[in-house]
Amino acid sequence: MNPENNHTHQSLERSLNEFVAAETDFPFGPEVLVYKVKGKMFALLSEREGRKYINLKCQPEDGEVLTAQFDAITPGYHMNKRHWVTVYLDGDVEKGMLDDLCEQSYRLVVKTLRKADRETLSL
C-alpha cells in the first residue's frame, strides 16, 4: 500500500473540522460520524465490513468519472447514488485527491444554503 493513500479517520476528522462552521453529529448511531454545515450534511465517516470509508457529496457527472477511475470509490453507500460517493480509505485514492473531494463536497452543500446562511460563512 502506498503511504500517500494511507488515510485515517483521525486525519480526516482534523481536516473536516477545519471547514468554516463544520459541526459533528451522530444521527445514525455512535459508529457513524456526520459532518454538517448549517445543519446540512457534507461528509459521513464510518466503517463497513472492516473497511473505513467516507461518503461525500459530488456532482453526478463527477461521481460517474470517479467510480470508473478509482477502485476505492463507489456510488454512495446508503445515499443518493447520483449525488454521493463512498471513498474507502484503504484504497487507491491519494490523500490530496481525498482532501479535494472533501472540499468539493463542502462547497456543494454550502451552495445550497440560504443566502443569509452563506453570507455568515464569509467564504
Protein backbone atom coordinates (compact mmCIF):
# COMPACT_ATOMS: atom_id res chain seq x y z
CA MET A 1 0.00 0.00 0.00
CA ASN A 2 1.30 3.44 -0.93
CA PRO A 3 1.73 5.62 2.22
CA GLU A 4 0.23 8.52 0.27
CA ASN A 5 -3.03 6.57 0.27
CA ASN A 6 -2.99 5.79 3.99
CA HIS A 7 -5.95 7.75 5.34
CA THR A 8 -7.21 7.52 8.89
CA HIS A 9 -10.46 8.65 10.42
CA GLN A 10 -8.42 10.85 12.77
CA SER A 11 -6.61 12.70 9.97
CA LEU A 12 -9.89 13.15 8.10
CA GLU A 13 -11.61 14.42 11.24
CA ARG A 14 -8.86 17.03 11.69
CA SER A 15 -9.24 18.16 8.06
CA LEU A 16 -13.05 18.25 8.15
CA ASN A 17 -13.06 20.19 11.40
CA GLU A 18 -11.14 22.98 9.66
CA PHE A 19 -14.05 23.86 7.38
CA VAL A 20 -15.86 27.05 8.44
CA ALA A 21 -18.87 26.25 10.67
CA ALA A 22 -18.33 22.48 10.43
CA GLU A 23 -20.35 20.63 13.07
CA THR A 24 -20.35 16.96 14.01
CA ASP A 25 -23.29 14.77 14.91
CA PHE A 26 -24.17 11.09 15.33
CA PRO A 27 -27.74 10.95 13.94
CA PHE A 28 -27.34 7.34 12.72
CA GLY A 29 -25.74 5.92 15.87
CA PRO A 30 -22.33 6.01 17.56
CA GLU A 31 -20.47 4.34 14.67
CA VAL A 32 -21.39 6.98 12.06
CA LEU A 33 -19.79 10.42 12.40
CA VAL A 34 -21.61 13.02 10.30
CA TYR A 35 -20.20 16.43 9.36
CA LYS A 36 -22.64 19.24 8.66
CA VAL A 37 -22.52 22.89 7.77
CA LYS A 38 -25.54 24.93 8.90
CA GLY A 39 -27.41 21.67 9.53
CA LYS A 40 -26.73 20.11 6.10
CA MET A 41 -24.55 17.02 5.77
CA PHE A 42 -21.39 17.21 3.66
CA ALA A 43 -19.45 14.15 4.92
CA LEU A 44 -20.10 10.90 6.72
CA LEU A 45 -17.34 8.75 8.27
CA SER A 46 -17.95 5.11 9.14
CA GLU A 47 -16.84 1.51 8.62
CA ARG A 48 -18.33 -1.30 6.56
CA GLU A 49 -17.17 -4.91 6.52
CA GLY A 50 -13.96 -3.89 8.30
CA ARG A 51 -13.15 -1.08 5.84
CA LYS A 52 -13.24 2.56 6.88
CA TYR A 53 -14.87 4.96 4.43
CA ILE A 54 -16.16 8.46 3.91
CA ASN A 55 -19.29 9.46 1.99
CA LEU A 56 -19.03 12.77 0.12
CA LYS A 57 -21.41 14.82 -1.98
CA CYS A 58 -20.47 15.26 -5.65
CA GLN A 59 -21.83 16.37 -8.99
CA PRO A 60 -23.44 13.38 -10.78
CA GLU A 61 -21.04 13.61 -13.74
CA ASP A 62 -18.03 13.72 -11.37
CA GLY A 63 -19.33 10.69 -9.49
CA GLU A 64 -19.53 8.69 -12.72
CA VAL A 65 -15.93 9.56 -13.64
CA LEU A 66 -14.61 8.90 -10.13
CA THR A 67 -16.27 5.49 -9.78
CA ALA A 68 -14.92 4.48 -13.20
CA GLN A 69 -11.41 5.74 -12.45
CA PHE A 70 -10.82 4.51 -8.86
CA ASP A 71 -11.41 1.07 -7.35
CA ALA A 72 -11.84 2.66 -3.89
CA ILE A 73 -14.66 4.97 -4.99
CA THR A 74 -18.17 3.56 -5.34
CA PRO A 75 -21.62 5.13 -5.60
CA GLY A 76 -22.65 6.44 -2.16
CA TYR A 77 -23.37 3.65 0.32
CA HIS A 78 -26.86 4.21 1.80
CA MET A 79 -27.01 7.57 -0.02
CA ASN A 80 -28.40 9.00 -3.25
CA LYS A 81 -26.05 7.20 -5.63
CA ARG A 82 -26.09 10.02 -8.20
CA HIS A 83 -25.10 12.76 -5.75
CA TRP A 84 -22.84 10.93 -3.27
CA VAL A 85 -19.76 8.73 -3.49
CA THR A 86 -18.18 6.41 -0.97
CA VAL A 87 -14.37 6.56 -0.74
CA TYR A 88 -12.73 3.62 1.01
CA LEU A 89 -9.71 4.89 2.94
CA ASP A 90 -7.51 1.84 2.29
CA GLY A 91 -7.71 2.10 -1.49
CA ASP A 92 -6.19 3.82 -4.48
CA VAL A 93 -7.19 7.42 -3.70
CA GLU A 94 -4.28 9.64 -2.67
CA LYS A 95 -4.65 11.96 0.31
CA GLY A 96 -4.50 15.12 -1.83
CA MET A 97 -7.33 13.84 -4.01
CA LEU A 98 -9.39 12.93 -0.95
CA ASP A 99 -8.81 16.40 0.51
CA ASP A 100 -10.05 17.92 -2.77
CA LEU A 101 -13.15 15.71 -2.73
CA CYS A 102 -13.89 16.78 0.85
CA GLU A 103 -13.61 20.44 -0.11
CA GLN A 104 -15.82 19.96 -3.18
CA SER A 105 -18.44 18.23 -1.03
CA TYR A 106 -18.39 21.08 1.48
CA ARG A 107 -18.69 23.72 -1.26
CA LEU A 108 -21.55 21.89 -2.99
CA VAL A 109 -23.52 21.84 0.25
CA VAL A 110 -22.70 25.49 1.04
CA LYS A 111 -24.07 26.46 -2.40
CA THR A 112 -27.46 25.01 -1.41
CA LEU A 113 -27.70 27.06 1.79
CA ARG A 114 -29.91 30.11 2.11
CA LYS A 115 -28.15 33.31 1.09
CA ALA A 116 -28.17 34.62 4.67
CA ASP A 117 -26.50 31.43 5.92
CA ARG A 118 -23.89 31.53 3.13
CA GLU A 119 -23.07 35.13 3.98
CA THR A 120 -22.41 34.28 7.64
CA LEU A 121 -19.73 31.81 6.48
CA SER A 122 -17.69 34.59 4.79
CA LEU A 123 -16.38 32.26 2.07
